């Protein structure tokens, strides 16, 4: 019979994984790195830090939970039962190779349902250079979203109320990703109505939303490993994260996160007006 994983067990092990990742990523940050691209047409950077970090995390998970499934950005999917770990060793590799501290390691734990789908359970997002580590837990009625500064001080997080789009701070990693796509006019319509728009940030935008500084994040073209760790953190902080139609974003794609439920409903209507 599968042994259930509780919050303390999940958080303790995820902390061990994040610590192991930081031992690889930090010494290579702001150093000279060989950078290659995963794409022949275009630029999708990958470094030794990405690959070495993911391999280390896979080794640790396989040693502790050999039956669990694993999905990672660099080495794909390993089938398993009961639970799935989803890892992005460096979310924001472009920031990483540019010396900008907006990259992070993302670690998610999901429960595999009887029909093979995933239910988000735990998320950890770590930025070791500025020493901020975010944790989210969602199980039944139990929820916790917290930020741990410098590995010790703990701050409980909550989104802020913002019911109207004209009062909202909106963020996306790169507005150019909407240009010359079928969603260009949708983006221009929404972004022209907000109070303030901010660019860059990758995963960190979502943590600022969970902590009450940003009201909405809109993205497209995300992968499962880009978003799964962030879902429990945002949800436990009182926010809503979905695809553009309001459904689960567990597999990535078009993602909308809002700190306020009324704002989320308003923007979903605008996305499909």
C-alpha atoms as a PDB file:
ATOM      1  CA  UNK A   1       0.000   0.000   0.000  1.00  0.00           C
ATOM      2  CA  UNK A   2       1.308   3.452  -0.965  1.00  0.00           C
ATOM      3  CA  UNK A   3       2.532   5.524   1.954  1.00  0.00           C
ATOM      4  CA  UNK A   4       0.935   8.974   2.086  1.00  0.00           C
ATOM      5  CA  UNK A   5       3.213  12.031   2.231  1.00  0.00           C
ATOM      6  CA  UNK A   6       2.235  14.737   4.710  1.00  0.00           C
ATOM      7  CA  UNK A   7       3.163  18.408   4.612  1.00  0.00           C
ATOM      8  CA  UNK A   8       6.145  18.220   6.945  1.00  0.00           C
ATOM      9  CA  UNK A   9       7.640  15.256   5.097  1.00  0.00           C
ATOM     10  CA  UNK A  10       7.149  16.928   1.709  1.00  0.00           C
ATOM     11  CA  UNK A  11       8.605  20.245   2.850  1.00  0.00           C
ATOM     12  CA  UNK A  12      11.608  18.645   4.563  1.00  0.00           C
ATOM     13  CA  UNK A  13      12.524  16.640   1.480  1.00  0.00           C
ATOM     14  CA  UNK A  14      11.851  19.526  -0.916  1.00  0.00           C
ATOM     15  CA  UNK A  15      14.165  21.684   1.199  1.00  0.00           C
ATOM     16  CA  UNK A  16      16.866  19.043   0.850  1.00  0.00           C
ATOM     17  CA  UNK A  17      16.380  19.084  -2.907  1.00  0.00           C
ATOM     18  CA  UNK A  18      16.545  22.886  -3.064  1.00  0.00           C
ATOM     19  CA  UNK A  19      19.711  22.931  -0.943  1.00  0.00           C
ATOM     20  CA  UNK A  20      21.310  20.364  -3.258  1.00  0.00           C
ATOM     21  CA  UNK A  21      20.331  22.424  -6.307  1.00  0.00           C
ATOM     22  CA  UNK A  22      21.810  25.607  -4.839  1.00  0.00           C
ATOM     23  CA  UNK A  23      25.159  23.895  -4.302  1.00  0.00           C
ATOM     24  CA  UNK A  24      25.359  23.482  -8.081  1.00  0.00           C
ATOM     25  CA  UNK A  25      23.671  26.622  -9.397  1.00  0.00           C
ATOM     26  CA  UNK A  26      25.201  29.247  -7.114  1.00  0.00           C
ATOM     27  CA  UNK A  27      28.914  28.587  -7.799  1.00  0.00           C
ATOM     28  CA  UNK A  28      28.228  28.822 -11.547  1.00  0.00           C
ATOM     29  CA  UNK A  29      26.052  31.953 -11.381  1.00  0.00           C
ATOM     30  CA  UNK A  30      27.745  35.048 -12.829  1.00  0.00           C
ATOM     31  CA  UNK A  31      30.594  32.885 -14.080  1.00  0.00           C
ATOM     32  CA  UNK A  32      31.691  32.210 -17.632  1.00  0.00           C
ATOM     33  CA  UNK A  33      29.471  29.385 -18.961  1.00  0.00           C
ATOM     34  CA  UNK A  34      29.184  27.462 -22.175  1.00  0.00           C
ATOM     35  CA  UNK A  35      25.644  28.067 -23.389  1.00  0.00           C
ATOM     36  CA  UNK A  36      23.969  25.963 -26.044  1.00  0.00           C
ATOM     37  CA  UNK A  37      20.503  26.200 -27.568  1.00  0.00           C
ATOM     38  CA  UNK A  38      17.865  23.473 -27.650  1.00  0.00           C
ATOM     39  CA  UNK A  39      16.428  25.013 -30.830  1.00  0.00           C
ATOM     40  CA  UNK A  40      17.912  25.107 -34.298  1.00  0.00           C
ATOM     41  CA  UNK A  41      15.733  28.071 -35.235  1.00  0.00           C
ATOM     42  CA  UNK A  42      15.670  30.492 -32.337  1.00  0.00           C
ATOM     43  CA  UNK A  43      17.360  30.537 -28.937  1.00  0.00           C
ATOM     44  CA  UNK A  44      16.350  28.319 -26.021  1.00  0.00           C
ATOM     45  CA  UNK A  45      19.440  28.296 -23.781  1.00  0.00           C
ATOM     46  CA  UNK A  46      20.685  25.418 -21.659  1.00  0.00           C
ATOM     47  CA  UNK A  47      23.834  25.208 -19.536  1.00  0.00           C
ATOM     48  CA  UNK A  48      25.827  22.693 -17.544  1.00  0.00           C
ATOM     49  CA  UNK A  49      24.133  24.077 -14.432  1.00  0.00           C
ATOM     50  CA  UNK A  50      20.678  23.156 -15.790  1.00  0.00           C
ATOM     51  CA  UNK A  51      21.655  19.598 -16.617  1.00  0.00           C
ATOM     52  CA  UNK A  52      23.801  18.869 -13.561  1.00  0.00           C
ATOM     53  CA  UNK A  53      21.147  20.259 -11.216  1.00  0.00           C
ATOM     54  CA  UNK A  54      18.322  18.224 -12.672  1.00  0.00           C
ATOM     55  CA  UNK A  55      20.399  15.041 -12.641  1.00  0.00           C
ATOM     56  CA  UNK A  56      21.247  15.575  -8.974  1.00  0.00           C
ATOM     57  CA  UNK A  57      17.600  16.118  -8.057  1.00  0.00           C
ATOM     58  CA  UNK A  58      16.539  13.029 -10.005  1.00  0.00           C
ATOM     59  CA  UNK A  59      19.157  10.952  -8.205  1.00  0.00           C
ATOM     60  CA  UNK A  60      17.950  12.151  -4.803  1.00  0.00           C
ATOM     61  CA  UNK A  61      14.275  11.532  -5.633  1.00  0.00           C
ATOM     62  CA  UNK A  62      14.982   8.068  -7.045  1.00  0.00           C
ATOM     63  CA  UNK A  63      16.939   7.170  -3.904  1.00  0.00           C
ATOM     64  CA  UNK A  64      14.183   8.351  -1.549  1.00  0.00           C
ATOM     65  CA  UNK A  65      11.083   7.491  -3.604  1.00  0.00           C
ATOM     66  CA  UNK A  66      12.059   4.994  -6.316  1.00  0.00           C
ATOM     67  CA  UNK A  67       8.438   4.295  -7.303  1.00  0.00           C
ATOM     68  CA  UNK A  68       7.474   7.914  -7.891  1.00  0.00           C
ATOM     69  CA  UNK A  69       7.169   9.468 -11.338  1.00  0.00           C
ATOM     70  CA  UNK A  70       9.504  12.321 -12.306  1.00  0.00           C
ATOM     71  CA  UNK A  71       9.119  15.006 -14.962  1.00  0.00           C
ATOM     72  CA  UNK A  72      11.967  17.410 -15.611  1.00  0.00           C
ATOM     73  CA  UNK A  73      12.814  20.001 -18.231  1.00  0.00           C
ATOM     74  CA  UNK A  74      16.139  18.537 -19.280  1.00  0.00           C
ATOM     75  CA  UNK A  75      15.651  14.760 -19.116  1.00  0.00           C
ATOM     76  CA  UNK A  76      11.945  14.235 -19.665  1.00  0.00           C
ATOM     77  CA  UNK A  77       9.538  11.834 -18.013  1.00  0.00           C
ATOM     78  CA  UNK A  78      10.075   8.762 -15.858  1.00  0.00           C
ATOM     79  CA  UNK A  79       6.894   6.790 -15.206  1.00  0.00           C
ATOM     80  CA  UNK A  80       5.911   5.910 -11.656  1.00  0.00           C
ATOM     81  CA  UNK A  81       3.022   5.375  -9.265  1.00  0.00           C
ATOM     82  CA  UNK A  82       1.376   7.285  -6.432  1.00  0.00           C
ATOM     83  CA  UNK A  83       3.100  10.647  -6.763  1.00  0.00           C
ATOM     84  CA  UNK A  84       4.907  12.707  -9.377  1.00  0.00           C
ATOM     85  CA  UNK A  85       7.792  15.115  -8.817  1.00  0.00           C
ATOM     86  CA  UNK A  86       8.048  17.855 -11.434  1.00  0.00           C
ATOM     87  CA  UNK A  87      11.293  19.830 -11.499  1.00  0.00           C
ATOM     88  CA  UNK A  88      12.663  22.788 -13.374  1.00  0.00           C
ATOM     89  CA  UNK A  89      16.319  23.040 -12.326  1.00  0.00           C
ATOM     90  CA  UNK A  90      16.664  26.642 -13.493  1.00  0.00           C
ATOM     91  CA  UNK A  91      13.487  28.449 -14.461  1.00  0.00           C
ATOM     92  CA  UNK A  92      14.709  31.597 -16.159  1.00  0.00           C
ATOM     93  CA  UNK A  93      17.903  30.340 -17.802  1.00  0.00           C
ATOM     94  CA  UNK A  94      18.034  33.516 -19.888  1.00  0.00           C
ATOM     95  CA  UNK A  95      18.176  35.525 -16.649  1.00  0.00           C
ATOM     96  CA  UNK A  96      20.729  33.088 -15.212  1.00  0.00           C
ATOM     97  CA  UNK A  97      23.175  33.504 -18.105  1.00  0.00           C
ATOM     98  CA  UNK A  98      22.630  37.283 -18.007  1.00  0.00           C
ATOM     99  CA  UNK A  99      23.566  37.579 -14.327  1.00  0.00           C
ATOM    100  CA  UNK A 100      20.045  38.579 -13.280  1.00  0.00           C
ATOM    101  CA  UNK A 101      18.782  37.026 -10.014  1.00  0.00           C
ATOM    102  CA  UNK A 102      15.266  36.322 -11.288  1.00  0.00           C
ATOM    103  CA  UNK A 103      15.927  32.639 -11.984  1.00  0.00           C
ATOM    104  CA  UNK A 104      14.957  29.886  -9.582  1.00  0.00           C
ATOM    105  CA  UNK A 105      14.635  26.170  -8.968  1.00  0.00           C
ATOM    106  CA  UNK A 106      11.064  24.846  -9.069  1.00  0.00           C
ATOM    107  CA  UNK A 107      10.014  21.612  -7.337  1.00  0.00           C
ATOM    108  CA  UNK A 108       6.451  20.276  -7.398  1.00  0.00           C
ATOM    109  CA  UNK A 109       4.828  17.235  -5.832  1.00  0.00           C
ATOM    110  CA  UNK A 110       1.506  16.037  -7.230  1.00  0.00           C
ATOM    111  CA  UNK A 111      -0.683  13.074  -6.449  1.00  0.00           C
ATOM    112  CA  UNK A 112      -1.489  10.740  -9.324  1.00  0.00           C
ATOM    113  CA  UNK A 113      -5.222  10.049  -9.374  1.00  0.00           C
ATOM    114  CA  UNK A 114      -6.836   6.750 -10.314  1.00  0.00           C
ATOM    115  CA  UNK A 115      -7.512   8.040 -13.831  1.00  0.00           C
ATOM    116  CA  UNK A 116      -3.884   9.054 -14.312  1.00  0.00           C
ATOM    117  CA  UNK A 117      -4.351  12.800 -13.860  1.00  0.00           C
ATOM    118  CA  UNK A 118      -2.434  14.953 -11.395  1.00  0.00           C
ATOM    119  CA  UNK A 119      -3.652  16.826  -8.326  1.00  0.00           C
ATOM    120  CA  UNK A 120      -1.325  19.619  -7.177  1.00  0.00           C
ATOM    121  CA  UNK A 121      -0.131  19.050  -3.630  1.00  0.00           C
ATOM    122  CA  UNK A 122       3.142  20.844  -2.836  1.00  0.00           C
ATOM    123  CA  UNK A 123       5.252  23.474  -4.514  1.00  0.00           C
ATOM    124  CA  UNK A 124       8.649  24.920  -3.655  1.00  0.00           C
ATOM    125  CA  UNK A 125      10.346  27.756  -5.547  1.00  0.00           C
ATOM    126  CA  UNK A 126      13.851  28.802  -4.537  1.00  0.00           C
ATOM    127  CA  UNK A 127      16.047  31.769  -5.427  1.00  0.00           C
ATOM    128  CA  UNK A 128      19.267  31.005  -3.546  1.00  0.00           C
ATOM    129  CA  UNK A 129      21.206  34.116  -4.575  1.00  0.00           C
ATOM    130  CA  UNK A 130      18.772  36.478  -2.828  1.00  0.00           C
ATOM    131  CA  UNK A 131      17.924  33.739  -0.306  1.00  0.00           C
ATOM    132  CA  UNK A 132      14.175  33.589  -0.811  1.00  0.00           C
ATOM    133  CA  UNK A 133      12.408  30.243  -0.718  1.00  0.00           C
ATOM    134  CA  UNK A 134       8.668  29.937  -1.291  1.00  0.00           C
ATOM    135  CA  UNK A 135       6.534  27.018  -0.162  1.00  0.00           C
ATOM    136  CA  UNK A 136       2.937  26.075  -0.846  1.00  0.00           C
ATOM    137  CA  UNK A 137       0.825  23.173   0.366  1.00  0.00           C
ATOM    138  CA  UNK A 138      -2.696  22.272  -0.751  1.00  0.00           C
ATOM    139  CA  UNK A 139      -4.481  19.169   0.533  1.00  0.00           C
ATOM    140  CA  UNK A 140      -8.194  19.059   1.279  1.00  0.00           C
ATOM    141  CA  UNK A 141      -8.971  22.009   3.521  1.00  0.00           C
ATOM    142  CA  UNK A 142      -5.335  22.430   4.591  1.00  0.00           C
ATOM    143  CA  UNK A 143      -3.401  25.225   2.874  1.00  0.00           C
ATOM    144  CA  UNK A 144      -0.178  27.096   3.578  1.00  0.00           C
ATOM    145  CA  UNK A 145       1.764  29.627   1.541  1.00  0.00           C
ATOM    146  CA  UNK A 146       4.948  31.008   3.034  1.00  0.00           C
ATOM    147  CA  UNK A 147       8.222  32.678   2.147  1.00  0.00           C
ATOM    148  CA  UNK A 148      11.357  31.709   4.022  1.00  0.00           C
ATOM    149  CA  UNK A 149      14.018  34.409   3.941  1.00  0.00           C
ATOM    150  CA  UNK A 150      17.656  33.423   4.383  1.00  0.00           C
ATOM    151  CA  UNK A 151      16.523  29.892   5.216  1.00  0.00           C
ATOM    152  CA  UNK A 152      15.057  30.830   8.602  1.00  0.00           C
ATOM    153  CA  UNK A 153      12.602  33.734   8.904  1.00  0.00           C
ATOM    154  CA  UNK A 154       9.137  32.648   7.793  1.00  0.00           C
ATOM    155  CA  UNK A 155       6.474  34.953   6.398  1.00  0.00           C
ATOM    156  CA  UNK A 156       2.957  33.769   5.613  1.00  0.00           C
ATOM    157  CA  UNK A 157       1.809  35.068   2.233  1.00  0.00           C
ATOM    158  CA  UNK A 158      -1.545  36.294   0.969  1.00  0.00           C
ATOM    159  CA  UNK A 159      -2.685  37.897  -2.261  1.00  0.00           C
ATOM    160  CA  UNK A 160      -4.238  41.357  -2.183  1.00  0.00           C
ATOM    161  CA  UNK A 161      -7.741  42.426  -3.223  1.00  0.00           C
ATOM    162  CA  UNK A 162      -8.002  44.045  -6.648  1.00  0.00           C
ATOM    163  CA  UNK A 163     -11.442  43.744  -8.225  1.00  0.00           C
ATOM    164  CA  UNK A 164     -11.025  46.022 -11.235  1.00  0.00           C
ATOM    165  CA  UNK A 165      -8.591  45.696 -14.128  1.00  0.00           C
ATOM    166  CA  UNK A 166      -7.937  49.450 -14.175  1.00  0.00           C
ATOM    167  CA  UNK A 167      -6.416  49.144 -10.683  1.00  0.00           C
ATOM    168  CA  UNK A 168      -4.269  46.102 -11.493  1.00  0.00           C
ATOM    169  CA  UNK A 169      -0.532  45.613 -11.799  1.00  0.00           C
ATOM    170  CA  UNK A 170       0.053  43.111 -14.606  1.00  0.00           C
ATOM    171  CA  UNK A 171       3.246  41.158 -15.282  1.00  0.00           C
ATOM    172  CA  UNK A 172       4.510  38.877 -18.011  1.00  0.00           C
ATOM    173  CA  UNK A 173       7.969  37.620 -18.818  1.00  0.00           C
ATOM    174  CA  UNK A 174       8.125  39.111 -22.321  1.00  0.00           C
ATOM    175  CA  UNK A 175       5.324  40.963 -24.097  1.00  0.00           C
ATOM    176  CA  UNK A 176       7.047  40.253 -27.408  1.00  0.00           C
ATOM    177  CA  UNK A 177       6.005  36.609 -27.039  1.00  0.00           C
ATOM    178  CA  UNK A 178       2.449  37.713 -27.850  1.00  0.00           C
ATOM    179  CA  UNK A 179       3.396  39.708 -30.929  1.00  0.00           C
ATOM    180  CA  UNK A 180       2.681  38.176 -34.337  1.00  0.00           C
ATOM    181  CA  UNK A 181       0.659  35.376 -32.722  1.00  0.00           C
ATOM    182  CA  UNK A 182      -3.107  34.795 -32.732  1.00  0.00           C
ATOM    183  CA  UNK A 183      -3.248  36.245 -29.205  1.00  0.00           C
ATOM    184  CA  UNK A 184      -1.589  39.589 -30.001  1.00  0.00           C
ATOM    185  CA  UNK A 185      -4.824  41.602 -29.992  1.00  0.00           C
ATOM    186  CA  UNK A 186      -5.987  39.886 -26.789  1.00  0.00           C
ATOM    187  CA  UNK A 187      -2.769  40.898 -25.038  1.00  0.00           C
ATOM    188  CA  UNK A 188      -2.933  44.475 -26.339  1.00  0.00           C
ATOM    189  CA  UNK A 189      -6.553  44.825 -25.216  1.00  0.00           C
ATOM    190  CA  UNK A 190      -5.908  43.610 -21.676  1.00  0.00           C
ATOM    191  CA  UNK A 191      -2.535  45.275 -21.125  1.00  0.00           C
ATOM    192  CA  UNK A 192      -3.907  48.639 -22.301  1.00  0.00           C
ATOM    193  CA  UNK A 193      -6.493  48.610 -19.488  1.00  0.00           C
ATOM    194  CA  UNK A 194      -4.249  47.918 -16.474  1.00  0.00           C
ATOM    195  CA  UNK A 195      -2.708  50.519 -14.187  1.00  0.00           C
ATOM    196  CA  UNK A 196       0.871  49.265 -14.571  1.00  0.00           C
ATOM    197  CA  UNK A 197       2.619  46.595 -16.671  1.00  0.00           C
ATOM    198  CA  UNK A 198       5.937  44.987 -15.723  1.00  0.00           C
ATOM    199  CA  UNK A 199       8.151  42.693 -17.807  1.00  0.00           C
ATOM    200  CA  UNK A 200      10.738  40.005 -17.072  1.00  0.00           C
ATOM    201  CA  UNK A 201      10.608  37.989 -13.898  1.00  0.00           C
ATOM    202  CA  UNK A 202       9.755  34.464 -15.115  1.00  0.00           C
ATOM    203  CA  UNK A 203       8.516  32.411 -12.098  1.00  0.00           C
ATOM    204  CA  UNK A 204       9.229  35.301  -9.702  1.00  0.00           C
ATOM    205  CA  UNK A 205       6.230  37.264 -11.010  1.00  0.00           C
ATOM    206  CA  UNK A 206       3.942  34.580  -9.626  1.00  0.00           C
ATOM    207  CA  UNK A 207       5.573  34.775  -6.194  1.00  0.00           C
ATOM    208  CA  UNK A 208       5.125  38.547  -6.129  1.00  0.00           C
ATOM    209  CA  UNK A 209       1.462  37.920  -6.922  1.00  0.00           C
ATOM    210  CA  UNK A 210       1.172  35.383  -4.090  1.00  0.00           C
ATOM    211  CA  UNK A 211       2.771  37.900  -1.733  1.00  0.00           C
ATOM    212  CA  UNK A 212       0.390  40.727  -2.663  1.00  0.00           C
ATOM    213  CA  UNK A 213       2.552  42.950  -4.871  1.00  0.00           C
ATOM    214  CA  UNK A 214       1.260  42.057  -8.352  1.00  0.00           C
ATOM    215  CA  UNK A 215      -2.373  41.423  -9.296  1.00  0.00           C
ATOM    216  CA  UNK A 216      -2.266  39.443 -12.533  1.00  0.00           C
ATOM    217  CA  UNK A 217       0.201  37.389 -14.568  1.00  0.00           C
ATOM    218  CA  UNK A 218      -0.608  36.327 -18.127  1.00  0.00           C
ATOM    219  CA  UNK A 219       1.590  33.933 -20.106  1.00  0.00           C
ATOM    220  CA  UNK A 220       1.388  31.542 -23.028  1.00  0.00           C
ATOM    221  CA  UNK A 221       3.585  28.687 -24.219  1.00  0.00           C
ATOM    222  CA  UNK A 222       4.417  27.397 -20.725  1.00  0.00           C
ATOM    223  CA  UNK A 223       5.389  23.792 -20.033  1.00  0.00           C
ATOM    224  CA  UNK A 224       4.160  21.685 -17.127  1.00  0.00           C
ATOM    225  CA  UNK A 225       7.467  22.131 -15.296  1.00  0.00           C
ATOM    226  CA  UNK A 226       7.137  25.926 -15.565  1.00  0.00           C
ATOM    227  CA  UNK A 227       3.899  26.113 -13.580  1.00  0.00           C
ATOM    228  CA  UNK A 228       3.221  23.043 -11.419  1.00  0.00           C
ATOM    229  CA  UNK A 229       5.364  24.158  -8.467  1.00  0.00           C
ATOM    230  CA  UNK A 230       3.716  27.589  -8.493  1.00  0.00           C
ATOM    231  CA  UNK A 231       0.100  26.393  -8.392  1.00  0.00           C
ATOM    232  CA  UNK A 232       0.021  25.313  -4.703  1.00  0.00           C
ATOM    233  CA  UNK A 233       1.816  28.494  -3.620  1.00  0.00           C
ATOM    234  CA  UNK A 234      -0.566  30.836  -5.423  1.00  0.00           C
ATOM    235  CA  UNK A 235      -3.653  28.832  -4.455  1.00  0.00           C
ATOM    236  CA  UNK A 236      -2.725  28.590  -0.779  1.00  0.00           C
ATOM    237  CA  UNK A 237      -2.069  32.350  -0.726  1.00  0.00           C
ATOM    238  CA  UNK A 238      -5.655  32.966  -1.826  1.00  0.00           C
ATOM    239  CA  UNK A 239      -5.047  33.473  -5.540  1.00  0.00           C
ATOM    240  CA  UNK A 240      -6.416  31.720  -8.598  1.00  0.00           C
ATOM    241  CA  UNK A 241      -4.242  30.165 -11.309  1.00  0.00           C
ATOM    242  CA  UNK A 242      -5.836  28.590 -14.365  1.00  0.00           C
ATOM    243  CA  UNK A 243      -5.578  28.320 -18.101  1.00  0.00           C
ATOM    244  CA  UNK A 244      -7.188  31.107 -20.111  1.00  0.00           C
ATOM    245  CA  UNK A 245     -10.554  29.325 -20.041  1.00  0.00           C
ATOM    246  CA  UNK A 246     -10.508  28.975 -16.249  1.00  0.00           C
ATOM    247  CA  UNK A 247      -9.507  25.289 -16.206  1.00  0.00           C
ATOM    248  CA  UNK A 248      -6.538  23.580 -14.568  1.00  0.00           C
ATOM    249  CA  UNK A 249      -3.143  24.751 -15.862  1.00  0.00           C
ATOM    250  CA  UNK A 250      -1.242  21.645 -14.733  1.00  0.00           C
ATOM    251  CA  UNK A 251       0.055  20.942 -18.238  1.00  0.00           C
ATOM    252  CA  UNK A 252       1.076  24.533 -18.940  1.00  0.00           C
ATOM    253  CA  UNK A 253       0.074  26.289 -22.144  1.00  0.00           C
ATOM    254  CA  UNK A 254      -1.861  29.533 -21.697  1.00  0.00           C
ATOM    255  CA  UNK A 255      -1.759  30.522 -18.019  1.00  0.00           C
ATOM    256  CA  UNK A 256      -3.594  33.214 -16.065  1.00  0.00           C
ATOM    257  CA  UNK A 257      -2.916  33.945 -12.383  1.00  0.00           C
ATOM    258  CA  UNK A 258      -4.793  36.536 -10.339  1.00  0.00           C
ATOM    259  CA  UNK A 259      -4.767  37.474  -6.702  1.00  0.00           C
ATOM    260  CA  UNK A 260      -8.470  38.341  -6.679  1.00  0.00           C
ATOM    261  CA  UNK A 261     -11.291  36.055  -7.840  1.00  0.00           C
ATOM    262  CA  UNK A 262     -13.355  38.939  -9.268  1.00  0.00           C
ATOM    263  CA  UNK A 263     -10.392  40.150 -11.315  1.00  0.00           C
ATOM    264  CA  UNK A 264      -9.769  36.608 -12.560  1.00  0.00           C
ATOM    265  CA  UNK A 265     -13.369  36.305 -13.755  1.00  0.00           C
ATOM    266  CA  UNK A 266     -13.161  39.690 -15.475  1.00  0.00           C
ATOM    267  CA  UNK A 267      -9.967  38.808 -17.342  1.00  0.00           C
ATOM    268  CA  UNK A 268     -11.240  35.372 -18.406  1.00  0.00           C
ATOM    269  CA  UNK A 269     -14.171  37.186 -20.032  1.00  0.00           C
ATOM    270  CA  UNK A 270     -11.764  39.537 -21.824  1.00  0.00           C
ATOM    271  CA  UNK A 271      -9.591  36.666 -23.023  1.00  0.00           C
ATOM    272  CA  UNK A 272     -12.551  35.214 -24.908  1.00  0.00           C
ATOM    273  CA  UNK A 273     -14.560  38.355 -25.629  1.00  0.00           C
END
